[in-house]
N, C-alpha and C. Protein backbone atom coordinates (compact mmCIF):
# COMPACT_ATOMS: atom_id res chain seq x y z
N MET A 1 33.04 -156.02 259.30
CA MET A 1 31.77 -155.76 258.66
C MET A 1 31.96 -154.59 257.66
N THR A 2 31.37 -154.81 256.41
CA THR A 2 31.45 -153.81 255.40
C THR A 2 30.60 -152.58 255.68
N ASP A 3 31.15 -151.40 255.47
CA ASP A 3 30.37 -150.18 255.58
C ASP A 3 29.65 -149.86 254.30
N TYR A 4 28.41 -150.29 254.19
CA TYR A 4 27.68 -150.12 252.99
C TYR A 4 27.32 -148.73 252.60
N ARG A 5 27.43 -147.82 253.65
CA ARG A 5 27.11 -146.40 253.37
C ARG A 5 27.98 -145.77 252.37
N LYS A 6 29.21 -146.31 252.18
CA LYS A 6 30.09 -145.74 251.25
C LYS A 6 30.03 -146.27 249.77
N ILE A 7 29.00 -147.15 249.59
CA ILE A 7 28.89 -147.88 248.33
C ILE A 7 27.52 -147.44 247.73
N ALA A 8 27.65 -147.18 246.38
CA ALA A 8 26.38 -146.70 245.66
C ALA A 8 25.36 -147.82 245.75
N ASP A 9 24.07 -147.36 245.76
CA ASP A 9 22.98 -148.34 245.81
C ASP A 9 23.04 -149.26 244.71
N GLU A 10 23.27 -148.78 243.56
CA GLU A 10 23.34 -149.66 242.34
C GLU A 10 24.40 -150.75 242.37
N LYS A 11 25.43 -150.51 243.01
CA LYS A 11 26.48 -151.52 243.24
C LYS A 11 26.06 -152.56 244.34
N LEU A 12 25.35 -151.97 245.36
CA LEU A 12 24.86 -152.78 246.45
C LEU A 12 23.83 -153.85 245.95
N ILE A 13 22.98 -153.40 244.96
CA ILE A 13 22.05 -154.33 244.41
C ILE A 13 22.75 -155.53 243.72
N VAL A 14 23.74 -155.24 242.99
CA VAL A 14 24.50 -156.26 242.31
C VAL A 14 25.10 -157.18 243.34
N ARG A 15 25.63 -156.68 244.39
CA ARG A 15 26.26 -157.49 245.44
C ARG A 15 25.26 -158.36 246.16
N LEU A 16 24.05 -157.71 246.41
CA LEU A 16 22.95 -158.48 246.98
C LEU A 16 22.65 -159.73 246.24
N ARG A 17 22.50 -159.53 244.91
CA ARG A 17 22.17 -160.68 244.07
C ARG A 17 23.22 -161.67 243.93
N ALA A 18 24.47 -161.27 244.35
CA ALA A 18 25.56 -162.21 244.27
C ALA A 18 25.64 -162.96 245.60
N GLY A 19 24.76 -162.68 246.58
CA GLY A 19 24.67 -163.40 247.76
C GLY A 19 24.89 -162.67 249.10
N GLU A 20 25.25 -161.37 249.06
CA GLU A 20 25.45 -160.65 250.27
C GLU A 20 24.08 -160.29 250.91
N GLU A 21 23.49 -161.12 251.69
CA GLU A 21 22.13 -160.95 252.13
C GLU A 21 21.93 -159.82 253.09
N ASP A 22 23.00 -159.40 253.84
CA ASP A 22 22.90 -158.27 254.78
C ASP A 22 22.53 -157.00 254.05
N ILE A 23 22.79 -156.94 252.79
CA ILE A 23 22.47 -155.68 252.05
C ILE A 23 21.07 -155.41 252.03
N MET A 24 20.18 -156.47 251.98
CA MET A 24 18.76 -156.20 251.98
C MET A 24 18.31 -155.39 253.13
N ASP A 25 18.70 -155.80 254.37
CA ASP A 25 18.34 -155.08 255.54
C ASP A 25 18.86 -153.63 255.54
N PHE A 26 20.11 -153.46 254.98
CA PHE A 26 20.73 -152.14 254.93
C PHE A 26 19.87 -151.21 254.06
N ILE A 27 19.54 -151.68 252.87
CA ILE A 27 18.70 -150.89 251.95
C ILE A 27 17.36 -150.64 252.51
N LEU A 28 16.63 -151.61 253.08
CA LEU A 28 15.36 -151.36 253.69
C LEU A 28 15.44 -150.30 254.75
N ASN A 29 16.44 -150.39 255.62
CA ASN A 29 16.58 -149.40 256.63
C ASN A 29 16.97 -147.99 256.13
N LYS A 30 17.77 -147.97 255.15
CA LYS A 30 18.16 -146.71 254.49
C LYS A 30 17.00 -145.96 253.94
N TYR A 31 16.05 -146.65 253.28
CA TYR A 31 15.00 -145.97 252.65
C TYR A 31 13.69 -145.98 253.48
N LYS A 32 13.74 -146.48 254.65
CA LYS A 32 12.50 -146.55 255.56
C LYS A 32 12.06 -145.13 255.79
N ALA A 33 12.91 -144.13 256.00
CA ALA A 33 12.47 -142.79 256.29
C ALA A 33 11.68 -142.17 255.16
N MET A 34 12.16 -142.52 253.88
CA MET A 34 11.41 -142.02 252.66
C MET A 34 10.07 -142.61 252.62
N VAL A 35 9.94 -143.96 252.96
CA VAL A 35 8.59 -144.59 252.96
C VAL A 35 7.68 -143.89 253.95
N LYS A 36 8.20 -143.68 255.17
CA LYS A 36 7.46 -143.02 256.19
C LYS A 36 6.99 -141.63 255.83
N ILE A 37 7.84 -140.91 255.18
CA ILE A 37 7.44 -139.61 254.72
C ILE A 37 6.29 -139.62 253.71
N LYS A 38 6.44 -140.56 252.80
CA LYS A 38 5.39 -140.73 251.68
C LYS A 38 4.10 -141.17 252.37
N ALA A 39 4.12 -142.07 253.29
CA ALA A 39 2.95 -142.51 253.97
C ALA A 39 2.35 -141.42 254.82
N ARG A 40 3.23 -140.66 255.46
CA ARG A 40 2.79 -139.61 256.34
C ARG A 40 2.16 -138.44 255.61
N THR A 41 2.57 -138.18 254.35
CA THR A 41 1.96 -137.04 253.61
C THR A 41 0.68 -137.45 253.00
N MET A 42 0.12 -138.53 253.35
CA MET A 42 -1.25 -138.85 252.95
C MET A 42 -2.14 -138.80 254.19
N PHE A 43 -3.12 -137.94 254.23
CA PHE A 43 -3.96 -137.83 255.41
C PHE A 43 -4.87 -139.05 255.41
N LEU A 44 -5.00 -139.60 256.58
CA LEU A 44 -5.96 -140.76 256.82
C LEU A 44 -6.97 -140.29 257.87
N ILE A 45 -8.28 -140.26 257.44
CA ILE A 45 -9.29 -139.86 258.35
C ILE A 45 -9.76 -141.15 259.07
N GLY A 46 -9.73 -141.20 260.35
CA GLY A 46 -10.29 -142.31 261.14
C GLY A 46 -9.31 -143.49 261.17
N GLY A 47 -8.03 -143.26 261.04
CA GLY A 47 -7.10 -144.42 261.06
C GLY A 47 -5.68 -143.89 261.32
N ASP A 48 -4.74 -144.64 260.98
CA ASP A 48 -3.30 -144.13 261.14
C ASP A 48 -2.52 -144.60 259.90
N THR A 49 -1.28 -144.22 259.87
CA THR A 49 -0.41 -144.48 258.67
C THR A 49 0.30 -145.81 258.75
N ASP A 50 0.07 -146.58 259.79
CA ASP A 50 0.77 -147.83 259.83
C ASP A 50 0.60 -148.78 258.68
N ASP A 51 -0.66 -148.86 258.22
CA ASP A 51 -1.02 -149.72 257.11
C ASP A 51 -0.26 -149.26 255.81
N LEU A 52 -0.23 -147.91 255.63
CA LEU A 52 0.44 -147.46 254.38
C LEU A 52 2.03 -147.59 254.48
N ILE A 53 2.50 -147.47 255.76
CA ILE A 53 3.96 -147.65 255.89
C ILE A 53 4.31 -149.07 255.52
N GLN A 54 3.52 -150.07 255.91
CA GLN A 54 3.67 -151.44 255.57
C GLN A 54 3.65 -151.67 254.10
N GLU A 55 2.64 -150.99 253.48
CA GLU A 55 2.53 -151.12 252.00
C GLU A 55 3.73 -150.51 251.28
N GLY A 56 4.13 -149.37 251.84
CA GLY A 56 5.35 -148.69 251.29
C GLY A 56 6.54 -149.58 251.33
N MET A 57 6.70 -150.30 252.43
CA MET A 57 7.89 -151.13 252.60
C MET A 57 7.83 -152.30 251.64
N ILE A 58 6.53 -152.77 251.35
CA ILE A 58 6.44 -153.74 250.34
C ILE A 58 6.92 -153.23 248.93
N GLY A 59 6.49 -152.03 248.68
CA GLY A 59 6.89 -151.40 247.38
C GLY A 59 8.48 -151.29 247.37
N LEU A 60 9.10 -150.94 248.52
CA LEU A 60 10.51 -150.78 248.53
C LEU A 60 11.19 -152.16 248.34
N TYR A 61 10.59 -153.18 248.87
CA TYR A 61 11.13 -154.56 248.72
C TYR A 61 11.01 -154.90 247.21
N LYS A 62 9.89 -154.60 246.59
CA LYS A 62 9.78 -154.89 245.14
C LYS A 62 10.76 -154.14 244.35
N ALA A 63 11.01 -152.93 244.77
CA ALA A 63 12.05 -152.15 244.00
C ALA A 63 13.42 -152.79 244.10
N ILE A 64 13.76 -153.25 245.23
CA ILE A 64 15.11 -153.93 245.41
C ILE A 64 15.08 -155.20 244.55
N ARG A 65 14.03 -155.94 244.60
CA ARG A 65 13.90 -157.13 243.77
C ARG A 65 13.95 -156.93 242.26
N ASP A 66 13.24 -155.79 241.80
CA ASP A 66 13.13 -155.68 240.42
C ASP A 66 14.10 -154.69 239.76
N TYR A 67 14.81 -153.96 240.48
CA TYR A 67 15.74 -152.96 239.89
C TYR A 67 16.71 -153.55 239.01
N ASP A 68 16.85 -152.88 237.86
CA ASP A 68 17.89 -153.35 236.77
C ASP A 68 19.00 -152.38 236.76
N PRO A 69 20.11 -152.73 237.38
CA PRO A 69 21.30 -151.84 237.46
C PRO A 69 21.81 -151.37 236.13
N ASN A 70 21.44 -152.11 235.04
CA ASN A 70 21.93 -151.75 233.67
C ASN A 70 21.12 -150.57 233.04
N ARG A 71 20.02 -150.22 233.67
CA ARG A 71 19.23 -149.11 233.12
C ARG A 71 19.80 -147.80 233.64
N GLU A 72 19.52 -146.69 232.95
CA GLU A 72 20.07 -145.43 233.36
C GLU A 72 19.45 -144.88 234.59
N THR A 73 18.30 -145.29 235.08
CA THR A 73 17.58 -144.72 236.15
C THR A 73 18.39 -145.13 237.49
N SER A 74 18.41 -144.14 238.38
CA SER A 74 19.04 -144.40 239.68
C SER A 74 18.13 -145.36 240.53
N PHE A 75 18.68 -146.03 241.46
CA PHE A 75 17.90 -146.92 242.30
C PHE A 75 17.00 -145.97 243.14
N ALA A 76 17.43 -144.86 243.60
CA ALA A 76 16.64 -144.03 244.52
C ALA A 76 15.35 -143.59 243.73
N GLY A 77 15.56 -143.15 242.48
CA GLY A 77 14.32 -142.78 241.66
C GLY A 77 13.35 -143.93 241.43
N PHE A 78 13.91 -145.14 241.13
CA PHE A 78 13.16 -146.28 240.94
C PHE A 78 12.42 -146.66 242.20
N ALA A 79 13.07 -146.61 243.34
CA ALA A 79 12.47 -146.98 244.65
C ALA A 79 11.33 -146.02 245.00
N ASP A 80 11.51 -144.72 244.71
CA ASP A 80 10.56 -143.69 244.93
C ASP A 80 9.30 -144.01 244.19
N LEU A 81 9.43 -144.37 242.89
CA LEU A 81 8.28 -144.69 242.06
C LEU A 81 7.57 -145.97 242.47
N CYS A 82 8.38 -147.03 242.87
CA CYS A 82 7.75 -148.28 243.31
C CYS A 82 6.98 -148.12 244.55
N VAL A 83 7.49 -147.34 245.52
CA VAL A 83 6.88 -147.16 246.80
C VAL A 83 5.56 -146.42 246.53
N SER A 84 5.60 -145.38 245.67
CA SER A 84 4.36 -144.60 245.40
C SER A 84 3.33 -145.46 244.76
N ARG A 85 3.76 -146.29 243.79
CA ARG A 85 2.84 -147.17 243.11
C ARG A 85 2.22 -148.11 244.06
N GLN A 86 2.95 -148.67 244.99
CA GLN A 86 2.44 -149.57 245.94
C GLN A 86 1.35 -148.89 246.87
N LEU A 87 1.70 -147.66 247.33
CA LEU A 87 0.76 -146.91 248.09
C LEU A 87 -0.58 -146.69 247.41
N TYR A 88 -0.41 -146.20 246.14
CA TYR A 88 -1.60 -145.83 245.41
C TYR A 88 -2.44 -147.04 245.02
N THR A 89 -1.76 -148.18 244.82
CA THR A 89 -2.40 -149.41 244.48
C THR A 89 -3.19 -149.87 245.72
N ALA A 90 -2.62 -149.75 246.90
CA ALA A 90 -3.24 -150.12 248.18
C ALA A 90 -4.52 -149.34 248.41
N ILE A 91 -4.43 -147.95 248.12
CA ILE A 91 -5.58 -147.13 248.35
C ILE A 91 -6.65 -147.49 247.29
N SER A 92 -6.26 -147.65 246.08
CA SER A 92 -7.27 -148.05 245.03
C SER A 92 -7.94 -149.35 245.41
N ARG A 93 -7.14 -150.32 245.83
CA ARG A 93 -7.73 -151.61 246.15
C ARG A 93 -8.71 -151.47 247.40
N SER A 94 -8.31 -150.67 248.34
CA SER A 94 -9.13 -150.58 249.49
C SER A 94 -10.46 -149.84 249.14
N GLN A 95 -10.45 -148.96 248.19
CA GLN A 95 -11.66 -148.27 247.72
C GLN A 95 -12.58 -149.23 247.07
N ARG A 96 -12.02 -150.13 246.24
CA ARG A 96 -12.84 -151.14 245.52
C ARG A 96 -13.55 -152.09 246.60
N LYS A 97 -12.80 -152.40 247.63
CA LYS A 97 -13.38 -153.22 248.71
C LYS A 97 -14.08 -152.49 249.75
N LYS A 98 -14.25 -151.17 249.58
CA LYS A 98 -15.03 -150.39 250.52
C LYS A 98 -14.44 -150.51 251.91
N HIS A 99 -13.10 -150.57 252.02
CA HIS A 99 -12.42 -150.61 253.32
C HIS A 99 -12.24 -149.18 253.86
N ASN A 100 -13.10 -148.80 254.70
CA ASN A 100 -13.20 -147.34 255.08
C ASN A 100 -11.94 -146.61 255.52
N PRO A 101 -11.07 -147.18 256.37
CA PRO A 101 -9.86 -146.42 256.77
C PRO A 101 -9.02 -145.89 255.57
N LEU A 102 -8.81 -146.73 254.60
CA LEU A 102 -7.95 -146.26 253.51
C LEU A 102 -8.79 -145.41 252.51
N ASN A 103 -10.06 -145.44 252.55
CA ASN A 103 -10.83 -144.71 251.60
C ASN A 103 -10.68 -143.19 251.73
N SER A 104 -10.27 -142.76 252.96
CA SER A 104 -10.25 -141.34 253.16
C SER A 104 -8.93 -140.61 252.98
N TYR A 105 -7.95 -141.37 252.33
CA TYR A 105 -6.62 -140.70 252.18
C TYR A 105 -6.80 -139.58 251.13
N ILE A 106 -6.12 -138.55 251.46
CA ILE A 106 -5.88 -137.41 250.47
C ILE A 106 -4.40 -137.24 250.37
N PRO A 107 -3.81 -137.41 249.19
CA PRO A 107 -2.39 -137.26 249.15
C PRO A 107 -1.90 -135.86 249.20
N LEU A 108 -0.84 -135.51 249.93
CA LEU A 108 -0.23 -134.25 249.98
C LEU A 108 1.23 -134.34 249.54
N TYR A 109 1.68 -133.40 248.77
CA TYR A 109 3.07 -133.46 248.24
C TYR A 109 3.29 -134.68 247.42
N SER A 110 2.17 -135.09 246.64
CA SER A 110 2.26 -136.32 245.87
C SER A 110 2.98 -135.97 244.63
N ASP A 111 3.84 -136.87 244.06
CA ASP A 111 4.48 -136.64 242.86
C ASP A 111 3.95 -137.64 241.79
N GLU A 112 2.83 -138.18 241.96
CA GLU A 112 2.26 -139.02 240.90
C GLU A 112 0.73 -138.65 240.78
N PHE A 113 0.41 -137.54 240.01
CA PHE A 113 -0.98 -137.26 239.77
C PHE A 113 -1.65 -138.24 238.86
N GLU A 114 -0.98 -138.77 237.84
CA GLU A 114 -1.53 -139.68 236.96
C GLU A 114 -0.85 -141.04 237.10
N LEU A 115 -0.78 -141.47 238.32
CA LEU A 115 0.05 -142.66 238.62
C LEU A 115 -0.45 -143.90 237.85
N GLU A 116 -1.78 -144.09 237.81
CA GLU A 116 -2.18 -145.31 237.26
C GLU A 116 -1.79 -145.44 235.74
N SER A 117 -1.93 -144.35 235.06
CA SER A 117 -1.53 -144.36 233.57
C SER A 117 -0.06 -144.30 233.44
N ALA A 118 0.61 -143.57 234.34
CA ALA A 118 2.05 -143.31 234.18
C ALA A 118 2.92 -144.48 234.64
N MET A 119 2.35 -145.34 235.49
CA MET A 119 3.22 -146.27 236.17
C MET A 119 2.99 -147.64 235.69
N GLU A 120 3.01 -147.91 234.39
CA GLU A 120 2.94 -149.22 233.83
C GLU A 120 4.23 -149.95 234.23
N PRO A 121 4.24 -151.21 234.53
CA PRO A 121 5.44 -151.85 235.02
C PRO A 121 6.61 -151.66 234.14
N ASN A 122 6.50 -151.67 232.85
CA ASN A 122 7.67 -151.49 231.98
C ASN A 122 8.16 -150.07 231.86
N GLU A 123 7.37 -149.17 232.51
CA GLU A 123 7.84 -147.71 232.48
C GLU A 123 8.22 -147.25 233.86
N ALA A 124 8.28 -148.12 234.87
CA ALA A 124 8.49 -147.75 236.27
C ALA A 124 9.82 -146.93 236.34
N GLY A 125 10.86 -147.21 235.60
CA GLY A 125 12.06 -146.60 235.77
C GLY A 125 12.39 -145.56 234.60
N ASN A 126 11.34 -145.20 233.87
CA ASN A 126 11.52 -144.30 232.79
C ASN A 126 11.88 -142.93 233.26
N PRO A 127 13.04 -142.36 232.91
CA PRO A 127 13.41 -141.05 233.32
C PRO A 127 12.38 -139.94 233.02
N GLU A 128 11.77 -140.07 231.83
CA GLU A 128 10.72 -139.08 231.48
C GLU A 128 9.61 -139.04 232.50
N GLN A 129 9.22 -140.23 232.92
CA GLN A 129 8.12 -140.29 233.92
C GLN A 129 8.50 -139.74 235.24
N ILE A 130 9.76 -139.90 235.61
CA ILE A 130 10.31 -139.38 236.88
C ILE A 130 10.23 -137.84 236.76
N ILE A 131 10.69 -137.25 235.69
CA ILE A 131 10.71 -135.79 235.52
C ILE A 131 9.30 -135.21 235.55
N ILE A 132 8.37 -135.87 234.80
CA ILE A 132 6.94 -135.42 234.80
C ILE A 132 6.40 -135.44 236.20
N GLY A 133 6.68 -136.53 236.90
CA GLY A 133 6.21 -136.63 238.30
C GLY A 133 6.72 -135.59 239.26
N GLN A 134 8.09 -135.25 239.07
CA GLN A 134 8.63 -134.16 239.83
C GLN A 134 8.04 -132.82 239.55
N GLU A 135 7.79 -132.56 238.28
CA GLU A 135 7.14 -131.24 237.83
C GLU A 135 5.68 -131.19 238.44
N ASN A 136 4.98 -132.27 238.37
CA ASN A 136 3.64 -132.23 239.02
C ASN A 136 3.71 -132.01 240.48
N ALA A 137 4.71 -132.61 241.13
CA ALA A 137 4.82 -132.44 242.63
C ALA A 137 5.16 -130.98 242.89
N ARG A 138 6.04 -130.35 242.14
CA ARG A 138 6.38 -128.96 242.40
C ARG A 138 5.15 -128.03 242.19
N GLN A 139 4.39 -128.33 241.18
CA GLN A 139 3.22 -127.52 240.90
C GLN A 139 2.17 -127.69 241.93
N PHE A 140 1.92 -128.89 242.44
CA PHE A 140 1.00 -129.17 243.44
C PHE A 140 1.46 -128.44 244.75
N GLU A 141 2.79 -128.57 245.09
CA GLU A 141 3.25 -127.99 246.37
C GLU A 141 3.10 -126.47 246.28
N ARG A 142 3.53 -125.86 245.11
CA ARG A 142 3.39 -124.45 244.98
C ARG A 142 1.91 -124.01 245.19
N MET A 143 1.00 -124.63 244.58
CA MET A 143 -0.40 -124.27 244.64
C MET A 143 -0.91 -124.48 246.06
N LEU A 144 -0.48 -125.55 246.73
CA LEU A 144 -0.97 -125.69 248.04
C LEU A 144 -0.30 -124.65 249.01
N GLN A 145 0.92 -124.34 248.87
CA GLN A 145 1.61 -123.37 249.71
C GLN A 145 0.87 -122.00 249.51
N GLU A 146 0.48 -121.70 248.28
CA GLU A 146 -0.16 -120.43 248.03
C GLU A 146 -1.51 -120.33 248.70
N SER A 147 -2.14 -121.47 248.88
CA SER A 147 -3.56 -121.50 249.48
C SER A 147 -3.55 -121.56 250.91
N LEU A 148 -2.46 -121.83 251.64
CA LEU A 148 -2.38 -122.05 253.06
C LEU A 148 -2.00 -120.77 253.77
N SER A 149 -2.66 -120.53 254.90
CA SER A 149 -2.21 -119.43 255.81
C SER A 149 -0.91 -119.81 256.42
N SER A 150 -0.28 -118.83 257.07
CA SER A 150 1.03 -119.19 257.77
C SER A 150 0.74 -120.18 258.87
N PHE A 151 -0.37 -120.10 259.62
CA PHE A 151 -0.67 -121.01 260.65
C PHE A 151 -0.80 -122.40 260.03
N GLU A 152 -1.55 -122.50 259.01
CA GLU A 152 -1.73 -123.92 258.39
C GLU A 152 -0.48 -124.49 257.86
N LYS A 153 0.43 -123.65 257.33
CA LYS A 153 1.72 -124.22 256.93
C LYS A 153 2.49 -124.74 258.07
N GLN A 154 2.46 -124.01 259.21
CA GLN A 154 3.21 -124.53 260.38
C GLN A 154 2.66 -125.89 260.89
N VAL A 155 1.31 -125.89 260.85
CA VAL A 155 0.59 -127.15 261.25
C VAL A 155 0.99 -128.29 260.32
N LEU A 156 0.94 -128.00 259.07
CA LEU A 156 1.29 -129.03 258.05
C LEU A 156 2.66 -129.57 258.24
N TYR A 157 3.65 -128.69 258.38
CA TYR A 157 4.98 -129.13 258.47
C TYR A 157 5.25 -129.98 259.72
N LEU A 158 4.63 -129.59 260.87
CA LEU A 158 4.75 -130.51 262.04
C LEU A 158 4.07 -131.77 261.88
N TYR A 159 2.88 -131.75 261.24
CA TYR A 159 2.18 -133.04 260.98
C TYR A 159 3.00 -133.98 260.15
N ILE A 160 3.55 -133.43 259.00
CA ILE A 160 4.39 -134.25 258.11
C ILE A 160 5.52 -134.79 258.90
N ASP A 161 6.13 -134.03 259.81
CA ASP A 161 7.23 -134.45 260.59
C ASP A 161 6.93 -135.55 261.60
N GLY A 162 5.67 -135.88 261.71
CA GLY A 162 5.18 -136.98 262.54
C GLY A 162 4.62 -136.63 263.86
N TYR A 163 4.45 -135.35 264.16
CA TYR A 163 3.96 -134.97 265.49
C TYR A 163 2.45 -135.17 265.52
N PRO A 164 1.87 -135.75 266.61
CA PRO A 164 0.47 -135.94 266.77
C PRO A 164 -0.19 -134.58 267.10
N TYR A 165 -1.57 -134.53 266.91
CA TYR A 165 -2.29 -133.30 267.22
C TYR A 165 -1.96 -132.63 268.43
N LEU A 166 -1.95 -133.41 269.56
CA LEU A 166 -1.78 -132.84 270.89
C LEU A 166 -0.40 -132.13 271.00
N GLU A 167 0.61 -132.82 270.47
CA GLU A 167 1.90 -132.27 270.55
C GLU A 167 2.04 -131.01 269.63
N ILE A 168 1.39 -131.00 268.52
CA ILE A 168 1.43 -129.78 267.65
C ILE A 168 0.72 -128.66 268.42
N ALA A 169 -0.35 -129.00 269.02
CA ALA A 169 -1.06 -127.89 269.81
C ALA A 169 -0.18 -127.33 270.93
N GLU A 170 0.51 -128.25 271.57
CA GLU A 170 1.34 -127.84 272.68
C GLU A 170 2.55 -126.96 272.23
N ARG A 171 3.18 -127.38 271.04
CA ARG A 171 4.30 -126.73 270.51
C ARG A 171 3.86 -125.29 270.00
N MET A 172 2.69 -125.26 269.50
CA MET A 172 2.20 -123.98 268.92
C MET A 172 1.44 -123.11 269.92
N GLY A 173 1.13 -123.67 271.11
CA GLY A 173 0.40 -122.88 272.11
C GLY A 173 -0.96 -122.60 271.72
N ARG A 174 -1.55 -123.56 271.10
CA ARG A 174 -2.94 -123.47 270.61
C ARG A 174 -3.75 -124.65 271.11
N PRO A 175 -5.08 -124.50 271.16
CA PRO A 175 -5.96 -125.59 271.60
C PRO A 175 -5.93 -126.72 270.53
N PRO A 176 -6.02 -128.00 270.94
CA PRO A 176 -6.10 -129.11 269.97
C PRO A 176 -7.16 -128.95 268.90
N LYS A 177 -8.28 -128.43 269.25
CA LYS A 177 -9.39 -128.14 268.31
C LYS A 177 -9.00 -127.27 267.16
N SER A 178 -8.12 -126.27 267.40
CA SER A 178 -7.74 -125.32 266.41
C SER A 178 -6.74 -126.08 265.50
N ILE A 179 -6.00 -127.03 265.95
CA ILE A 179 -5.08 -127.83 265.13
C ILE A 179 -5.84 -128.81 264.22
N ASP A 180 -6.91 -129.38 264.90
CA ASP A 180 -7.78 -130.27 264.10
C ASP A 180 -8.49 -129.52 262.94
N ASN A 181 -9.00 -128.35 263.31
CA ASN A 181 -9.67 -127.50 262.31
C ASN A 181 -8.72 -127.12 261.21
N ALA A 182 -7.42 -126.76 261.52
CA ALA A 182 -6.45 -126.36 260.43
C ALA A 182 -6.24 -127.64 259.53
N ILE A 183 -6.07 -128.78 260.14
CA ILE A 183 -5.80 -129.94 259.29
C ILE A 183 -6.99 -130.24 258.37
N GLN A 184 -8.18 -130.03 258.89
CA GLN A 184 -9.33 -130.23 258.00
C GLN A 184 -9.42 -129.25 256.93
N ARG A 185 -8.98 -128.03 257.15
CA ARG A 185 -8.95 -126.94 256.06
C ARG A 185 -7.84 -127.38 255.06
N ILE A 186 -6.72 -127.84 255.54
CA ILE A 186 -5.63 -128.19 254.66
C ILE A 186 -6.17 -129.36 253.71
N LYS A 187 -6.73 -130.36 254.30
CA LYS A 187 -7.32 -131.43 253.50
C LYS A 187 -8.19 -130.99 252.42
N ALA A 188 -9.11 -130.03 252.81
CA ALA A 188 -10.11 -129.55 251.85
C ALA A 188 -9.46 -128.78 250.69
N LYS A 189 -8.43 -128.00 251.07
CA LYS A 189 -7.66 -127.26 250.08
C LYS A 189 -6.88 -128.16 249.12
N ALA A 190 -6.22 -129.18 249.72
CA ALA A 190 -5.53 -130.12 248.94
C ALA A 190 -6.48 -130.90 247.90
N ALA A 191 -7.64 -131.26 248.45
CA ALA A 191 -8.57 -132.02 247.61
C ALA A 191 -9.02 -131.11 246.44
N LYS A 192 -9.30 -129.84 246.74
CA LYS A 192 -9.73 -128.92 245.72
C LYS A 192 -8.66 -128.83 244.61
N ILE A 193 -7.40 -128.72 245.10
CA ILE A 193 -6.29 -128.56 244.08
C ILE A 193 -6.23 -129.80 243.28
N LEU A 194 -6.35 -130.96 243.88
CA LEU A 194 -6.20 -132.22 243.11
C LEU A 194 -7.34 -132.40 242.12
N LYS A 195 -8.47 -131.94 242.47
CA LYS A 195 -9.68 -132.08 241.56
C LYS A 195 -9.42 -131.20 240.42
N SER A 196 -8.82 -130.12 240.62
CA SER A 196 -8.66 -129.13 239.48
C SER A 196 -7.41 -129.37 238.56
N ALA A 197 -6.62 -130.37 239.09
CA ALA A 197 -5.37 -130.70 238.32
C ALA A 197 -5.69 -131.52 237.07
């Protein structure tokens, strides 16, 4: 069995299209953690992140399907943008349909502030758009970090790592209500930063 870990993603895409179907599963598994992190960094009030993880995996599948190895953009960068675009499209679609669970997402550590305008299909792999997105992400992260207390930062890191409220409370030796309150404050601060961006 071939060890795909030693082969560049761009070469794997070429081989996948030549008929090595096992590569699809390998790439999906390789990037699943990235999808989960992106989904997890969006707060969902009154729901969970499973819906967004599924949407993110659809975006990853589209990235594998649509990636052009002849372009200068890396597959990792292209996949990152495709997953983000799929997530934001799902959220926008749910808002239009008044689907309440997805309506309450507030992105954190987002690298696409102007995603709708920046992510036209023909520009998805544009290196300039990737750089702009990364700069926006750094600016947002810096502003959020500056606005959070040390307690809120600890709560945020544990939440992004996938820990549920009760486990965060247990790890930090605090009541669950204080964790919930901290997350509500983080959401409010994130929303304020995004509105001012």
